[in-house]
Amino acid sequence: MEIQDRVRYLLSRYQNKTISSGELDELLILVHGMDEEDVALPEEYQLLWERAKSGELRDESRTVNWDQMLQQIVQHQEQTPSIGKARRWWPSAVAASLLLVAALAVFWLMKRPSTTPLAEKKEQQNPPAIEPNTAQTILVTEDGQQLALDKQANGQIAGHATVKKLRDGSIAYNVSPITPTTAMHTVIVPRGGRPYQLTLSDGSRVWLNVASTLRYPVQFKDGERRVELTGEAYFEVEANKDMPFIVKNNQMNIQVLGTHFNVMNYEDEPQALVTLLEGSVKVNNTQKSVLLEPGRQAQLQNQGNISVKEVDPLLSTAWVKGYFQFDKTDTRSILRQLARWYDLELEYKSNPSSEIFSGKIERNLPLSSILRVLSSGNINLKVEGKKLIEE
């Protein structure tokens, strides 16, 4: 169902006094981000539209606090990103389309229309309140000590003179060339945690996503800066033509001199992705080597093939800004992301859904809010304990 048709349908439901509480919320979200000319309303709906626009519509079965709703449903225009100069690669058409997407996120099925009104969808009763960001990020030091970084006080970390915790919660390294060290550290962001930022000894910054691990030298030497990644990370690498920066994982090597790029290499994903925002990147494995330009993505299949395509980097780096961002994304790809974010086990009891979704949603919402959005499609999801089930 197209957005315009959906708005007209919801207005008719309100006029006939058959609209549900959830549908009224949805109507207010949509109207808040649209102009009347975008919908081409019949005359009998124009007064309702004006009332919806001003927040005057009320469900007779309850009282809607519009001021409170506005605090919860925040209309997001895309802001200038802080990650390098990548904004020149983010098309204005994408930002314009996001005017219709609010913090509670209304996703629209792009592959085929849904013929079932949302009011008729069977929703799980009282789904468990599963919140994100509950697991602790761990720093493993050279002597095997495991430190929960969220619990560390700001300043130098006790017993480790080379690393300190900054006010923003990230860690940074300050190594003296007079006292060289061969120590290796590892940062682990578990499933159900929150993305973590660190600054390496050369000044390069790394954002590490959930279910990810980064192993690196406390001090770079031997003419290269080599780190090992599993999972996903966004890098802003300090330029140093005499000391290349190398990201190694079990499928490929990524070599740069100084650039901004994102690497996604989860074991449960069908392919690894390297997306370049600025500078240049060489991606290679045992079969092939490719050189990326900004706005391009290397896609490495499990069988070793590498292909390159032009992409919108916004989709790959939205997690750094605190969002899930989808563009014609299939259901199971979304579910894998949710499983990592909320630390859930996935179980499939049916064939893969053919639904695909586009939209943007904040990552700090409870799982129940996300599932309500996905229930707008022809998929049935439920939660049992720590298990997310597609029925």
Protein backbone atom coordinates (compact mmCIF):
# COMPACT_ATOMS: atom_id res chain seq x y z
CA MET A 1 0.00 0.00 0.00
CA GLU A 2 1.45 3.37 -1.04
CA ILE A 3 1.92 6.06 1.60
CA GLN A 4 -0.76 8.32 0.07
CA ASP A 5 -3.27 5.47 -0.04
CA ARG A 6 -2.44 4.57 3.53
CA VAL A 7 -3.13 8.12 4.74
CA ARG A 8 -6.49 8.23 2.95
CA TYR A 9 -7.36 4.81 4.37
CA LEU A 10 -6.55 5.93 7.93
CA LEU A 11 -8.52 9.17 7.53
CA SER A 12 -11.53 7.18 6.39
CA ARG A 13 -11.14 4.87 9.37
CA TYR A 14 -11.13 7.87 11.68
CA GLN A 15 -14.14 9.42 9.97
CA ASN A 16 -16.05 6.14 10.33
CA LYS A 17 -14.96 5.84 14.00
CA THR A 18 -13.30 2.49 13.36
CA ILE A 19 -9.67 3.58 13.75
CA SER A 20 -7.60 1.79 16.40
CA SER A 21 -5.24 3.47 18.85
CA GLY A 22 -2.23 2.16 16.96
CA GLU A 23 -3.61 3.39 13.65
CA LEU A 24 -4.22 6.84 15.10
CA ASP A 25 -0.59 7.01 16.22
CA GLU A 26 0.46 5.96 12.74
CA LEU A 27 -1.77 8.59 11.11
CA LEU A 28 -0.33 11.37 13.28
CA ILE A 29 3.21 10.24 12.47
CA LEU A 30 2.55 10.29 8.72
CA VAL A 31 0.63 13.56 8.63
CA HIS A 32 3.29 15.27 10.72
CA GLY A 33 5.84 14.75 7.91
CA MET A 34 3.69 15.38 4.81
CA ASP A 35 2.06 18.24 2.91
CA GLU A 36 -1.55 18.07 1.75
CA GLU A 37 -0.58 18.33 -1.90
CA ASP A 38 1.49 15.14 -1.49
CA VAL A 39 -1.66 13.16 -0.74
CA ALA A 40 -4.29 14.66 -3.13
CA LEU A 41 -7.07 14.39 -0.57
CA PRO A 42 -10.77 14.33 -1.44
CA GLU A 43 -12.64 17.34 -0.12
CA GLU A 44 -14.38 15.40 2.66
CA TYR A 45 -11.00 14.60 4.26
CA GLN A 46 -9.48 18.08 4.19
CA LEU A 47 -10.86 19.18 7.54
CA LEU A 48 -9.67 15.93 9.14
CA TRP A 49 -6.25 16.50 7.60
CA GLU A 50 -6.04 19.97 9.14
CA ARG A 51 -7.06 18.61 12.53
CA ALA A 52 -4.51 15.82 12.28
CA LYS A 53 -1.82 18.29 11.26
CA SER A 54 -2.51 20.44 14.31
CA GLY A 55 -2.74 17.41 16.62
CA GLU A 56 -6.42 17.83 17.38
CA LEU A 57 -7.54 14.34 16.40
CA ARG A 58 -8.49 12.16 19.34
CA ASP A 59 -9.41 8.53 19.68
CA GLU A 60 -12.68 8.34 21.59
CA SER A 61 -11.39 5.33 23.48
CA ARG A 62 -8.52 7.22 25.05
CA THR A 63 -6.84 10.59 25.53
CA VAL A 64 -3.85 11.31 23.32
CA ASN A 65 -1.22 13.61 24.82
CA TRP A 66 0.05 15.32 21.67
CA ASP A 67 2.87 17.13 23.45
CA GLN A 68 4.11 13.84 24.84
CA MET A 69 3.81 12.21 21.43
CA LEU A 70 5.90 14.95 19.88
CA GLN A 71 8.63 14.20 22.40
CA GLN A 72 8.54 10.54 21.44
CA ILE A 73 8.02 10.92 17.71
CA VAL A 74 10.77 13.20 16.45
CA GLN A 75 10.84 14.04 12.77
CA HIS A 76 14.38 13.51 11.46
CA GLN A 77 15.83 15.47 8.62
CA GLU A 78 19.27 14.15 7.83
CA GLN A 79 21.88 16.32 9.58
CA THR A 80 25.38 17.00 8.33
CA PRO A 81 27.37 13.92 9.27
CA SER A 82 30.44 14.16 11.45
CA ILE A 83 32.22 11.28 9.78
CA GLY A 84 34.72 12.91 7.49
CA LYS A 85 33.71 14.50 4.20
CA ALA A 86 31.40 11.70 3.18
CA ARG A 87 28.37 13.99 3.09
CA ARG A 88 29.07 14.87 -0.52
CA TRP A 89 28.22 11.25 -1.35
CA TRP A 90 24.82 11.31 0.40
CA PRO A 91 22.22 12.21 -2.25
CA SER A 92 19.66 14.87 -1.40
CA ALA A 93 16.95 12.52 -2.61
CA VAL A 94 17.70 10.22 0.30
CA ALA A 95 17.46 13.06 2.80
CA ALA A 96 14.18 14.15 1.25
CA SER A 97 12.72 10.68 1.49
CA LEU A 98 13.62 10.53 5.18
CA LEU A 99 11.27 13.43 5.89
CA LEU A 100 8.53 10.82 6.04
CA VAL A 101 10.23 8.63 8.61
CA ALA A 102 9.94 9.35 12.35
CA ALA A 103 11.72 8.02 15.41
CA LEU A 104 9.19 5.22 15.83
CA ALA A 105 9.74 4.50 12.15
CA VAL A 106 7.11 3.70 9.57
CA PHE A 107 8.66 1.30 7.07
CA TRP A 108 7.00 0.82 3.69
CA LEU A 109 7.01 -2.37 1.73
CA MET A 110 8.84 -1.76 -1.54
CA LYS A 111 8.56 -5.12 -3.24
CA ARG A 112 4.82 -5.55 -3.31
CA PRO A 113 1.86 -3.95 -1.54
CA SER A 114 0.42 -5.36 1.65
CA THR A 115 -3.25 -6.14 1.25
CA THR A 116 -3.91 -6.54 4.96
CA PRO A 117 -4.70 -3.37 6.92
CA LEU A 118 -2.42 -2.87 9.92
CA ALA A 119 -5.41 -3.06 12.25
CA GLU A 120 -5.93 -6.67 11.24
CA LYS A 121 -2.35 -7.76 11.95
CA LYS A 122 -1.99 -10.17 14.82
CA GLU A 123 0.36 -8.61 17.34
CA GLN A 124 2.07 -10.35 20.21
CA GLN A 125 0.37 -9.50 23.49
CA ASN A 126 2.63 -7.81 26.05
CA PRO A 127 5.95 -8.59 24.33
CA PRO A 128 8.89 -8.73 26.75
CA ALA A 129 10.68 -5.43 27.33
CA ILE A 130 14.09 -6.11 25.80
CA GLU A 131 16.31 -3.02 25.82
CA PRO A 132 19.52 -2.48 23.84
CA ASN A 133 22.94 -1.52 25.21
CA THR A 134 22.91 -3.70 28.30
CA ALA A 135 26.18 -5.64 27.79
CA GLN A 136 29.58 -4.23 28.82
CA THR A 137 32.45 -3.39 26.45
CA ILE A 138 35.65 -5.18 27.51
CA LEU A 139 39.31 -4.20 27.14
CA VAL A 140 41.69 -7.17 27.25
CA THR A 141 45.20 -6.02 28.12
CA GLU A 142 48.56 -7.59 27.36
CA ASP A 143 48.55 -9.59 30.60
CA GLY A 144 45.09 -11.03 29.95
CA GLN A 145 43.29 -8.72 32.36
CA GLN A 146 39.69 -7.98 31.30
CA LEU A 147 38.43 -4.50 32.13
CA ALA A 148 34.79 -3.43 31.78
CA LEU A 149 35.31 -0.04 30.16
CA ASP A 150 31.89 1.33 31.07
CA LYS A 151 32.82 0.93 34.75
CA GLN A 152 36.25 2.55 34.50
CA ALA A 153 36.73 6.06 35.86
CA ASN A 154 37.90 8.83 33.53
CA GLY A 155 41.65 9.30 33.27
CA GLN A 156 44.53 6.86 33.16
CA ILE A 157 43.43 3.26 33.56
CA ALA A 158 45.06 1.84 36.67
CA GLY A 159 48.12 -0.25 35.90
CA HIS A 160 48.17 0.74 32.22
CA ALA A 161 50.04 3.99 31.69
CA THR A 162 49.57 3.99 27.93
CA VAL A 163 45.77 4.11 27.88
CA LYS A 164 43.26 6.52 29.40
CA LYS A 165 39.50 6.88 29.39
CA LEU A 166 38.20 10.19 28.06
CA ARG A 167 35.19 12.16 29.22
CA ASP A 168 33.08 10.92 26.31
CA GLY A 169 33.63 7.32 27.46
CA SER A 170 36.09 6.37 24.71
CA ILE A 171 39.70 5.32 25.27
CA ALA A 172 42.87 6.76 23.75
CA TYR A 173 46.52 5.70 23.71
CA ASN A 174 49.57 7.84 24.40
CA VAL A 175 52.80 5.93 23.82
CA SER A 176 56.26 7.38 24.28
CA PRO A 177 58.87 6.45 21.65
CA ILE A 178 61.43 6.38 24.45
CA THR A 179 59.75 3.37 26.05
CA PRO A 180 58.66 1.15 23.15
CA THR A 181 56.23 -1.68 23.81
CA THR A 182 55.17 -4.79 21.96
CA ALA A 183 51.92 -5.16 23.93
CA MET A 184 48.72 -6.11 22.15
CA HIS A 185 45.27 -4.99 23.35
CA THR A 186 41.81 -6.15 22.33
CA VAL A 187 38.48 -4.35 22.59
CA ILE A 188 35.39 -6.58 22.61
CA VAL A 189 31.92 -5.14 22.04
CA PRO A 190 29.52 -8.02 22.75
CA ARG A 191 26.09 -8.69 21.35
CA GLY A 192 23.59 -6.50 23.15
CA GLY A 193 26.24 -3.86 23.88
CA ARG A 194 26.72 -0.40 22.39
CA PRO A 195 29.14 0.78 19.68
CA TYR A 196 32.46 1.88 21.16
CA GLN A 197 35.00 4.47 20.02
CA LEU A 198 38.74 4.32 20.56
CA THR A 199 41.74 6.30 19.39
CA LEU A 200 44.81 4.29 18.49
CA SER A 201 48.39 5.38 19.24
CA ASP A 202 48.82 6.92 15.77
CA GLY A 203 45.72 9.12 16.20
CA SER A 204 43.46 6.96 14.02
CA ARG A 205 39.91 6.67 15.34
CA VAL A 206 37.81 3.52 15.27
CA TRP A 207 34.12 2.98 15.98
CA LEU A 208 33.45 -0.66 16.81
CA ASN A 209 29.92 -2.03 16.33
CA VAL A 210 28.23 -4.66 18.51
CA ALA A 211 29.29 -8.31 18.20
CA SER A 212 32.72 -7.10 17.10
CA THR A 213 36.34 -7.41 18.23
CA LEU A 214 39.40 -5.32 17.39
CA ARG A 215 42.93 -6.51 18.24
CA TYR A 216 45.76 -4.00 17.81
CA PRO A 217 49.28 -3.10 19.01
CA VAL A 218 49.51 -0.55 21.78
CA GLN A 219 52.33 0.95 19.70
CA PHE A 220 52.68 0.54 15.92
CA LYS A 221 56.12 -0.36 14.55
CA ASP A 222 57.96 -2.30 11.82
CA GLY A 223 56.75 0.06 9.08
CA GLU A 224 53.06 -0.79 9.23
CA ARG A 225 49.92 -0.29 11.30
CA ARG A 226 48.15 -3.64 11.38
CA VAL A 227 44.91 -4.39 13.24
CA GLU A 228 42.66 -7.47 13.26
CA LEU A 229 38.88 -7.13 13.03
CA THR A 230 35.95 -9.46 13.39
CA GLY A 231 32.47 -7.96 12.98
CA GLU A 232 32.06 -4.34 11.93
CA ALA A 233 34.01 -1.12 12.39
CA TYR A 234 34.22 2.37 10.95
CA PHE A 235 37.75 3.77 10.57
CA GLU A 236 39.11 7.30 10.26
CA VAL A 237 42.78 6.61 9.59
CA GLU A 238 45.47 9.22 10.13
CA ALA A 239 47.51 9.75 6.97
CA ASN A 240 51.04 8.32 6.99
CA LYS A 241 52.45 7.40 3.60
CA ASP A 242 55.44 5.69 5.19
CA MET A 243 53.35 3.39 7.37
CA PRO A 244 50.32 1.79 5.66
CA PHE A 245 47.29 0.93 7.78
CA ILE A 246 46.12 -2.66 7.31
CA VAL A 247 42.88 -4.22 8.51
CA LYS A 248 43.09 -8.00 8.55
CA ASN A 249 40.31 -10.54 8.95
CA ASN A 250 39.73 -14.13 8.01
CA GLN A 251 38.57 -13.32 4.46
CA MET A 252 40.60 -10.35 3.22
CA ASN A 253 43.15 -7.62 3.85
CA ILE A 254 42.32 -3.92 3.55
CA GLN A 255 45.23 -1.53 3.07
CA VAL A 256 45.11 2.28 3.27
CA LEU A 257 47.46 5.21 3.83
CA GLY A 258 44.89 7.56 5.35
CA THR A 259 41.18 7.43 4.68
CA HIS A 260 37.62 6.91 6.02
CA PHE A 261 35.92 3.58 5.42
CA ASN A 262 33.56 1.00 6.92
CA VAL A 263 34.15 -2.75 7.15
CA MET A 264 31.33 -5.22 7.82
CA ASN A 265 32.41 -8.83 8.14
CA TYR A 266 30.06 -10.82 10.37
CA GLU A 267 30.21 -14.60 10.14
CA ASP A 268 26.42 -14.90 9.83
CA GLU A 269 26.24 -12.55 6.82
CA PRO A 270 26.39 -13.89 3.26
CA GLN A 271 29.07 -11.38 2.24
CA ALA A 272 31.68 -9.04 3.68
CA LEU A 273 31.43 -5.35 2.72
CA VAL A 274 34.05 -2.60 2.54
CA THR A 275 32.58 0.86 1.90
CA LEU A 276 34.82 3.84 1.14
CA LEU A 277 33.87 7.38 2.10
CA GLU A 278 37.12 9.26 1.54
CA GLY A 279 40.59 8.56 0.13
CA SER A 280 41.41 5.20 -1.39
CA VAL A 281 41.42 1.59 -0.20
CA LYS A 282 42.92 -1.58 -1.60
CA VAL A 283 40.96 -4.74 -0.84
CA ASN A 284 42.50 -8.12 -1.60
CA ASN A 285 42.19 -11.81 -0.88
CA THR A 286 43.85 -14.87 -2.34
CA GLN A 287 41.89 -14.52 -5.60
CA LYS A 288 41.65 -10.83 -6.43
CA SER A 289 42.67 -7.28 -5.56
CA VAL A 290 40.56 -4.16 -6.13
CA LEU A 291 41.16 -0.44 -5.55
CA LEU A 292 38.12 1.47 -4.30
CA GLU A 293 37.15 5.07 -4.96
CA PRO A 294 34.90 7.11 -2.62
CA GLY A 295 31.26 6.08 -2.85
CA ARG A 296 32.07 2.52 -3.88
CA GLN A 297 31.78 -0.74 -2.03
CA ALA A 298 33.71 -4.00 -2.33
CA GLN A 299 31.49 -7.03 -1.80
CA LEU A 300 33.26 -10.25 -0.94
CA GLN A 301 31.20 -13.43 -1.25
CA ASN A 302 31.82 -16.42 0.97
CA GLN A 303 33.29 -18.30 -1.98
CA GLY A 304 35.95 -15.59 -2.40
CA ASN A 305 34.62 -13.55 -5.33
CA ILE A 306 35.00 -9.75 -5.05
CA SER A 307 32.70 -7.34 -6.88
CA VAL A 308 32.53 -3.54 -6.74
CA LYS A 309 29.43 -1.36 -6.93
CA GLU A 310 28.48 2.26 -6.37
CA VAL A 311 26.51 2.77 -3.15
CA ASP A 312 25.18 5.39 -0.77
CA PRO A 313 27.61 5.29 2.21
CA LEU A 314 24.78 6.46 4.47
CA LEU A 315 23.46 2.91 4.52
CA SER A 316 26.76 1.48 5.76
CA THR A 317 27.58 4.16 8.33
CA ALA A 318 24.14 4.96 9.80
CA TRP A 319 24.97 2.78 12.82
CA VAL A 320 27.75 5.23 13.75
CA LYS A 321 25.10 7.96 14.01
CA GLY A 322 22.77 5.75 16.06
CA TYR A 323 20.32 4.47 13.44
CA PHE A 324 19.22 1.39 11.63
CA GLN A 325 19.04 2.38 7.95
CA PHE A 326 17.44 0.13 5.34
CA ASP A 327 17.00 0.47 1.60
CA LYS A 328 14.98 -2.36 0.06
CA THR A 329 16.42 -4.67 2.72
CA ASP A 330 15.10 -8.21 3.06
CA THR A 331 13.52 -9.36 6.31
CA ARG A 332 16.19 -11.82 7.41
CA SER A 333 18.97 -9.29 6.94
CA ILE A 334 17.06 -6.98 9.30
CA LEU A 335 16.48 -9.80 11.78
CA ARG A 336 20.20 -10.62 11.88
CA GLN A 337 20.95 -7.00 12.78
CA LEU A 338 18.29 -7.03 15.49
CA ALA A 339 19.64 -10.28 16.92
CA ARG A 340 23.10 -8.76 17.33
CA TRP A 341 21.78 -5.47 18.71
CA TYR A 342 19.43 -6.98 21.30
CA ASP A 343 21.46 -10.17 21.91
CA LEU A 344 18.84 -12.58 20.63
CA GLU A 345 18.90 -16.04 19.11
CA LEU A 346 17.10 -16.33 15.76
CA GLU A 347 14.74 -19.16 14.89
CA TYR A 348 12.98 -19.55 11.55
CA LYS A 349 9.84 -21.66 11.34
CA SER A 350 8.86 -20.64 7.83
CA ASN A 351 10.34 -19.95 4.43
CA PRO A 352 12.02 -16.55 4.05
CA SER A 353 9.55 -13.69 3.69
CA SER A 354 9.58 -11.89 0.34
CA GLU A 355 8.98 -8.53 2.04
CA ILE A 356 11.62 -5.84 1.73
CA PHE A 357 11.78 -2.66 3.79
CA SER A 358 13.10 0.86 3.45
CA GLY A 359 13.40 3.38 6.25
CA LYS A 360 15.34 4.68 9.21
CA ILE A 361 14.84 4.07 12.90
CA GLU A 362 16.69 4.99 16.06
CA ARG A 363 18.68 2.18 17.65
CA ASN A 364 17.89 3.14 21.25
CA LEU A 365 14.29 1.90 21.10
CA PRO A 366 13.08 -1.22 22.92
CA LEU A 367 12.66 -4.30 20.78
CA SER A 368 8.86 -4.14 21.05
CA SER A 369 8.83 -0.88 19.07
CA ILE A 370 10.88 -2.41 16.26
CA LEU A 371 8.69 -5.49 16.09
CA ARG A 372 5.58 -3.35 15.87
CA VAL A 373 7.07 -1.66 12.80
CA LEU A 374 7.98 -4.95 11.14
CA SER A 375 4.51 -6.29 11.83
CA SER A 376 3.24 -3.85 9.20
CA GLY A 377 4.52 -6.37 6.67
CA ASN A 378 3.27 -9.85 5.97
CA ILE A 379 5.59 -11.42 8.53
CA ASN A 380 4.84 -12.88 11.95
CA LEU A 381 7.41 -12.40 14.69
CA LYS A 382 7.37 -13.28 18.36
CA VAL A 383 9.80 -13.30 21.25
CA GLU A 384 10.22 -16.19 23.67
CA GLY A 385 12.80 -15.41 26.33
CA LYS A 386 15.94 -14.44 24.39
CA LYS A 387 14.74 -16.04 21.17
CA LEU A 388 13.31 -14.07 18.21
CA ILE A 389 11.10 -16.33 16.11
CA GLU A 390 9.89 -15.78 12.55
CA GLU A 391 6.76 -17.91 12.24
